Amino acid sequence: MVRAPYRILASSPQGLRIAWRTEAAAAEALSSLGLSRSGVAAVLSSGRLAREGVALAAATGLAPGDVLELAFEPVAPAPLDASIPAASLLWVDPWGLALAADKPAHLLVHGDGSGQITLSQQVAAAMAQQGIAGAPQALQRLDQDTSGVVLFSLHPEFQPAFDALVASHDPSHLSKRYFALVEGVMTQAKAVDVPVGRDRHDARRMHGGTGKEAHSFFEPLGTLTLANGACATAVSVAITTGRRHQIRVHAAALGHPVAGDILYGAALAPGGLMLHSWQETLVHPVSRQRFQVEAAVPSRFPEGARQLAEAAKQ
């Protein structure tokens, strides 16, 4: 990995202290940190990049050893409702730029106008409880009935850098692993490269065979018998693209729909849709550090499935 031209020295609710390693102009330095062109302009025009307390202009030259102070854009805290439970936070970026939350099944990530409580609101509640600064913005989506890891950015300046990380689908920088129960017995690992697009006849569904390229890799971990007597296979699923319903469409294309996924031909399951965003490994787009985040397989999955997941981690 290419060494960053800077090193983050410290963070606070107000901003970052950064040691600069090369010669550059101030605007170039901000671009190197992952800010967009408009973000660079906003920081400089508001005097939020300083050296020894003096605000810098775009063309101001930096030298190796310079220490910069980058102040975050002031964000008014969202009004909090005491009735909203706090999300379970799985990881908080030590530099205060991002976090990951554990989404329960049946919870929306974003509001849909229905007035339902969302994961985003629960994350804001958890941040208020724990004194974490920023305005959380979800970087990923999960289906309402899927549980597990969801990443959030916390400061507008750095959201483009995190958006680019998620959009890159580069497994060397961001890799995602799901845990699922699929119907039937799957004995061999299977790679699926079936395009995924919208179903023209049913707006709730996606269609396999047309649309955007999609890649999934299913690895069987073991079989078990569900409460209804049906046989299922626990699988680890790695994806390198992020299409809507991708795993659900690909599992159905294999003839092994995700248990509980009635939309794609499976029978009802007591725990609902048996799909969980299990593990993510990311290279932080600003600090360049590598982090791994895991959301334990929840209790809605059968005990035997959770045991298989734990064994797969060994």
Protein backbone atom coordinates (compact mmCIF):
# COMPACT_ATOMS: atom_id res chain seq x y z
CA MET A 1 0.00 0.00 0.00
CA VAL A 2 1.28 3.48 -0.86
CA ARG A 3 2.39 5.43 2.20
CA ALA A 4 0.20 8.42 2.94
CA PRO A 5 1.88 11.84 2.68
CA TYR A 6 0.66 12.63 6.19
CA ARG A 7 0.13 11.07 9.60
CA ILE A 8 -2.84 11.73 11.86
CA LEU A 9 -1.51 12.78 15.25
CA ALA A 10 -4.70 13.26 17.23
CA SER A 11 -8.44 13.71 16.93
CA SER A 12 -11.03 15.49 19.01
CA PRO A 13 -14.71 16.36 18.62
CA GLN A 14 -13.49 19.58 17.00
CA GLY A 15 -11.13 18.17 14.38
CA LEU A 16 -7.82 16.51 13.50
CA ARG A 17 -4.13 17.33 14.02
CA ILE A 18 -2.08 16.09 11.07
CA ALA A 19 1.67 15.89 10.53
CA TRP A 20 2.59 16.57 6.91
CA ARG A 21 5.43 14.57 5.28
CA THR A 22 6.00 16.12 1.85
CA GLU A 23 5.96 19.41 0.01
CA ALA A 24 2.49 20.35 -1.24
CA ALA A 25 -0.01 23.17 -1.48
CA ALA A 26 -2.75 23.32 1.14
CA ALA A 27 -5.45 22.46 -1.39
CA GLU A 28 -3.47 19.40 -2.52
CA ALA A 29 -3.12 18.32 1.11
CA LEU A 30 -6.85 18.36 1.63
CA SER A 31 -7.41 16.41 -1.58
CA SER A 32 -4.92 13.80 -0.34
CA LEU A 33 -7.04 13.41 2.78
CA GLY A 34 -9.97 12.37 0.60
CA LEU A 35 -11.96 15.59 0.50
CA SER A 36 -13.90 16.37 -2.65
CA ARG A 37 -13.21 19.52 -4.68
CA SER A 38 -16.21 21.24 -3.11
CA GLY A 39 -15.12 20.01 0.32
CA VAL A 40 -11.65 21.46 -0.16
CA ALA A 41 -13.15 24.80 -1.17
CA ALA A 42 -15.52 24.81 1.81
CA VAL A 43 -12.72 24.09 4.31
CA LEU A 44 -10.41 26.75 2.91
CA SER A 45 -13.06 29.43 2.49
CA SER A 46 -14.17 28.99 6.10
CA GLY A 47 -10.61 29.07 7.45
CA ARG A 48 -10.81 25.58 8.91
CA LEU A 49 -7.31 24.47 7.84
CA ALA A 50 -4.59 26.12 9.90
CA ARG A 51 -0.89 25.90 10.67
CA GLU A 52 0.24 27.27 14.04
CA GLY A 53 -3.15 28.92 14.38
CA VAL A 54 -2.99 30.72 11.01
CA ALA A 55 -5.64 29.83 8.43
CA LEU A 56 -4.18 28.64 5.13
CA ALA A 57 -5.07 29.61 1.57
CA ALA A 58 -5.34 27.10 -1.26
CA ALA A 59 -1.86 27.83 -2.67
CA THR A 60 -0.06 28.05 0.67
CA GLY A 61 2.97 25.77 0.55
CA LEU A 62 3.49 23.01 3.10
CA ALA A 63 6.82 21.50 4.08
CA PRO A 64 7.73 18.16 5.66
CA GLY A 65 7.16 18.36 9.39
CA ASP A 66 4.37 20.93 9.25
CA VAL A 67 1.55 20.22 11.70
CA LEU A 68 -1.92 21.14 10.45
CA GLU A 69 -5.16 21.61 12.32
CA LEU A 70 -8.30 20.66 10.37
CA ALA A 71 -11.51 21.76 12.08
CA PHE A 72 -14.66 19.79 11.34
CA GLU A 73 -17.66 21.56 9.89
CA PRO A 74 -19.94 22.51 12.80
CA VAL A 75 -22.98 20.23 12.81
CA ALA A 76 -26.05 20.97 14.89
CA PRO A 77 -26.97 17.90 16.94
CA ALA A 78 -30.15 16.20 15.80
CA PRO A 79 -33.09 16.45 18.21
CA LEU A 80 -33.20 13.23 20.21
CA ASP A 81 -36.27 11.31 21.28
CA ALA A 82 -35.82 9.48 24.58
CA SER A 83 -38.08 6.71 23.29
CA ILE A 84 -35.56 5.76 20.57
CA PRO A 85 -33.27 2.95 21.78
CA ALA A 86 -29.53 3.29 21.23
CA ALA A 87 -27.97 1.17 18.52
CA SER A 88 -25.32 -1.40 19.35
CA LEU A 89 -22.04 0.06 18.07
CA LEU A 90 -19.57 -2.57 16.85
CA TRP A 91 -16.65 -0.29 16.03
CA VAL A 92 -15.86 3.38 16.49
CA ASP A 93 -13.07 4.81 14.35
CA PRO A 94 -10.28 6.01 16.68
CA TRP A 95 -10.05 9.16 14.54
CA GLY A 96 -13.75 9.91 14.92
CA LEU A 97 -14.62 9.80 11.23
CA ALA A 98 -16.76 6.64 11.03
CA LEU A 99 -18.40 3.86 12.99
CA ALA A 100 -20.18 0.57 12.43
CA ALA A 101 -23.51 -0.44 13.96
CA ASP A 102 -25.25 -3.79 14.35
CA LYS A 103 -28.62 -3.57 12.58
CA PRO A 104 -31.34 -5.84 13.94
CA ALA A 105 -33.66 -7.57 11.49
CA HIS A 106 -36.93 -5.78 10.62
CA LEU A 107 -35.36 -2.32 11.07
CA LEU A 108 -34.98 0.23 8.28
CA VAL A 109 -31.60 1.89 7.80
CA HIS A 110 -33.16 5.14 6.49
CA GLY A 111 -36.62 6.61 6.93
CA ASP A 112 -39.19 5.81 4.25
CA GLY A 113 -41.83 8.35 5.25
CA SER A 114 -43.74 5.83 7.36
CA GLY A 115 -42.54 7.24 10.66
CA GLN A 116 -40.86 4.00 11.71
CA ILE A 117 -37.78 4.24 13.91
CA THR A 118 -34.63 3.71 11.85
CA LEU A 119 -31.11 2.47 12.47
CA SER A 120 -29.83 5.97 11.66
CA GLN A 121 -31.89 7.38 14.54
CA GLN A 122 -30.67 4.66 16.87
CA VAL A 123 -27.06 5.39 15.91
CA ALA A 124 -27.60 9.09 16.71
CA ALA A 125 -28.99 8.06 20.10
CA ALA A 126 -25.96 5.86 20.80
CA MET A 127 -23.59 8.68 19.80
CA ALA A 128 -25.34 11.08 22.16
CA GLN A 129 -25.08 8.57 25.01
CA GLN A 130 -21.38 7.92 24.39
CA GLY A 131 -20.37 11.52 23.62
CA ILE A 132 -19.38 10.81 20.00
CA ALA A 133 -19.40 13.92 17.82
CA GLY A 134 -20.73 14.15 14.28
CA ALA A 135 -23.74 13.64 12.06
CA PRO A 136 -24.15 9.94 11.18
CA GLN A 137 -24.76 9.11 7.53
CA ALA A 138 -25.23 5.48 6.48
CA LEU A 139 -22.71 4.35 3.88
CA GLN A 140 -24.40 1.01 3.20
CA ARG A 141 -27.90 -0.39 2.96
CA LEU A 142 -29.25 -3.69 4.16
CA ASP A 143 -32.69 -5.07 3.36
CA GLN A 144 -35.13 -4.42 6.17
CA ASP A 145 -35.18 -8.10 7.18
CA THR A 146 -31.38 -8.56 6.99
CA SER A 147 -29.31 -7.97 10.11
CA GLY A 148 -25.68 -7.10 10.76
CA VAL A 149 -22.88 -4.64 10.04
CA VAL A 150 -23.67 -1.20 8.59
CA LEU A 151 -20.98 1.48 8.22
CA PHE A 152 -21.64 5.17 8.91
CA SER A 153 -19.56 8.27 8.21
CA LEU A 154 -19.66 10.99 10.85
CA HIS A 155 -18.37 14.20 9.24
CA PRO A 156 -19.49 15.68 5.89
CA GLU A 157 -15.94 16.54 4.80
CA PHE A 158 -14.90 12.91 4.79
CA GLN A 159 -18.06 11.25 3.51
CA PRO A 160 -16.83 11.33 -0.14
CA ALA A 161 -13.75 9.31 0.88
CA PHE A 162 -15.89 6.67 2.59
CA ASP A 163 -18.44 6.69 -0.26
CA ALA A 164 -15.59 6.01 -2.69
CA LEU A 165 -14.35 3.14 -0.52
CA VAL A 166 -17.77 1.47 -0.52
CA ALA A 167 -18.36 2.12 -4.22
CA SER A 168 -14.98 0.73 -5.28
CA HIS A 169 -15.91 -2.92 -4.58
CA ASP A 170 -12.17 -3.48 -4.25
CA PRO A 171 -11.73 -6.49 -1.92
CA SER A 172 -8.22 -5.35 -1.01
CA HIS A 173 -9.78 -2.26 0.58
CA LEU A 174 -13.26 -3.42 1.61
CA SER A 175 -14.43 -7.02 1.87
CA LYS A 176 -17.82 -8.21 3.08
CA ARG A 177 -18.80 -11.62 4.35
CA TYR A 178 -22.37 -12.67 5.07
CA PHE A 179 -23.73 -15.62 7.03
CA ALA A 180 -26.88 -17.30 5.76
CA LEU A 181 -28.96 -20.43 5.98
CA VAL A 182 -30.05 -21.70 2.58
CA GLU A 183 -32.59 -24.39 1.86
CA GLY A 184 -31.37 -27.89 1.01
CA VAL A 185 -27.94 -29.46 1.08
CA MET A 186 -25.07 -27.58 -0.55
CA THR A 187 -21.95 -29.72 -0.56
CA GLN A 188 -19.49 -27.67 -2.61
CA ALA A 189 -18.39 -24.05 -2.72
CA LYS A 190 -20.00 -22.19 -5.60
CA ALA A 191 -19.14 -18.94 -7.39
CA VAL A 192 -22.10 -17.13 -8.95
CA ASP A 193 -21.64 -14.47 -11.63
CA VAL A 194 -25.28 -13.87 -12.60
CA PRO A 195 -26.18 -10.24 -13.43
CA VAL A 196 -28.87 -8.70 -11.23
CA GLY A 197 -31.46 -6.18 -12.39
CA ARG A 198 -34.96 -5.02 -11.56
CA ASP A 199 -37.88 -7.35 -12.14
CA ARG A 200 -40.16 -5.60 -14.64
CA HIS A 201 -43.21 -7.46 -13.34
CA ASP A 202 -42.77 -7.07 -9.57
CA ALA A 203 -41.23 -3.94 -8.04
CA ARG A 204 -40.43 -5.82 -4.83
CA ARG A 205 -38.10 -8.25 -6.56
CA MET A 206 -34.85 -8.25 -8.47
CA HIS A 207 -34.22 -10.47 -11.48
CA GLY A 208 -31.22 -12.70 -12.16
CA GLY A 209 -29.77 -12.89 -15.67
CA THR A 210 -30.09 -9.29 -16.80
CA GLY A 211 -28.89 -6.01 -15.34
CA LYS A 212 -25.58 -5.15 -13.67
CA GLU A 213 -22.77 -7.61 -13.10
CA ALA A 214 -22.83 -9.29 -9.71
CA HIS A 215 -20.39 -11.70 -8.07
CA SER A 216 -20.96 -13.88 -5.02
CA PHE A 217 -19.07 -16.83 -3.55
CA PHE A 218 -20.94 -19.36 -1.41
CA GLU A 219 -18.97 -21.59 0.96
CA PRO A 220 -20.90 -24.31 2.84
CA LEU A 221 -20.10 -24.59 6.56
CA GLY A 222 -22.37 -27.48 7.52
CA THR A 223 -25.95 -28.69 7.47
CA LEU A 224 -28.69 -28.69 10.08
CA THR A 225 -32.38 -29.42 10.46
CA LEU A 226 -34.71 -26.47 10.96
CA ALA A 227 -37.60 -26.43 13.44
CA ASN A 228 -40.03 -27.23 10.62
CA GLY A 229 -38.05 -30.40 9.80
CA ALA A 230 -36.50 -29.01 6.62
CA CYS A 231 -32.79 -29.43 5.90
CA ALA A 232 -30.67 -26.30 5.51
CA THR A 233 -27.03 -25.46 4.88
CA ALA A 234 -25.14 -22.76 6.74
CA VAL A 235 -23.05 -20.78 4.27
CA SER A 236 -20.51 -17.99 4.32
CA VAL A 237 -21.07 -15.64 1.38
CA ALA A 238 -18.43 -13.23 0.11
CA ILE A 239 -19.52 -10.53 -2.33
CA THR A 240 -17.45 -8.19 -4.49
CA THR A 241 -20.43 -6.24 -5.82
CA GLY A 242 -23.34 -4.74 -3.92
CA ARG A 243 -26.49 -5.15 -5.95
CA ARG A 244 -29.89 -4.99 -4.31
CA HIS A 245 -30.98 -8.48 -3.17
CA GLN A 246 -27.79 -9.89 -4.70
CA ILE A 247 -27.28 -12.80 -2.30
CA ARG A 248 -30.98 -13.63 -2.29
CA VAL A 249 -31.12 -13.71 -6.10
CA HIS A 250 -27.91 -15.73 -6.41
CA ALA A 251 -28.96 -18.24 -3.76
CA ALA A 252 -32.26 -18.79 -5.56
CA ALA A 253 -30.38 -19.17 -8.87
CA LEU A 254 -28.41 -22.03 -7.29
CA GLY A 255 -31.62 -23.76 -6.29
CA HIS A 256 -30.91 -23.01 -2.63
CA PRO A 257 -32.93 -19.91 -1.69
CA VAL A 258 -32.16 -18.22 1.61
CA ALA A 259 -34.33 -19.83 4.29
CA GLY A 260 -37.35 -17.68 5.07
CA ASP A 261 -37.07 -15.75 1.80
CA ILE A 262 -40.61 -16.22 0.51
CA LEU A 263 -40.05 -13.50 -2.11
CA TYR A 264 -37.59 -15.80 -3.90
CA GLY A 265 -39.30 -19.14 -3.41
CA ALA A 266 -38.29 -20.28 0.07
CA ALA A 267 -40.64 -21.46 2.81
CA LEU A 268 -41.31 -19.37 5.89
CA ALA A 269 -38.71 -19.72 8.65
CA PRO A 270 -39.33 -19.02 12.37
CA GLY A 271 -36.56 -16.41 12.52
CA GLY A 272 -37.54 -14.67 9.29
CA LEU A 273 -35.01 -14.08 6.52
CA MET A 274 -31.91 -16.08 7.47
CA LEU A 275 -29.37 -13.57 6.15
CA HIS A 276 -26.86 -11.65 8.25
CA SER A 277 -24.08 -9.16 7.36
CA TRP A 278 -21.41 -10.90 9.39
CA GLN A 279 -17.93 -9.46 8.86
CA GLU A 280 -16.33 -6.50 7.12
CA THR A 281 -12.66 -5.70 6.68
CA LEU A 282 -11.85 -2.17 5.56
CA VAL A 283 -8.82 -0.03 4.90
CA HIS A 284 -9.63 3.35 6.40
CA PRO A 285 -9.58 5.80 3.46
CA VAL A 286 -7.98 8.56 5.54
CA SER A 287 -5.68 6.91 8.10
CA ARG A 288 -4.96 3.92 5.78
CA GLN A 289 -5.26 1.56 8.77
CA ARG A 290 -6.95 -1.82 8.37
CA PHE A 291 -9.91 -2.68 10.61
CA GLN A 292 -12.12 -5.75 10.92
CA VAL A 293 -15.69 -5.47 12.18
CA GLU A 294 -17.91 -8.38 13.14
CA ALA A 295 -21.55 -8.64 14.16
CA ALA A 296 -22.20 -11.91 16.00
CA VAL A 297 -24.82 -14.13 14.38
CA PRO A 298 -28.00 -13.21 16.29
CA SER A 299 -30.26 -15.43 18.36
CA ARG A 300 -32.97 -15.51 15.66
CA PHE A 301 -30.74 -18.09 13.95
CA PRO A 302 -30.90 -21.65 15.32
CA GLU A 303 -28.29 -22.56 17.91
CA GLY A 304 -26.76 -25.10 15.52
CA ALA A 305 -26.25 -22.39 12.91
CA ARG A 306 -24.52 -20.11 15.41
CA GLN A 307 -22.22 -22.95 16.41
CA LEU A 308 -21.26 -23.48 12.77
CA ALA A 309 -20.53 -19.76 12.43
CA GLU A 310 -18.28 -19.81 15.50
CA ALA A 311 -16.44 -22.89 14.23
CA ALA A 312 -15.83 -21.17 10.88
CA LYS A 313 -14.00 -18.33 12.66
CA GLN A 314 -11.40 -20.66 14.19
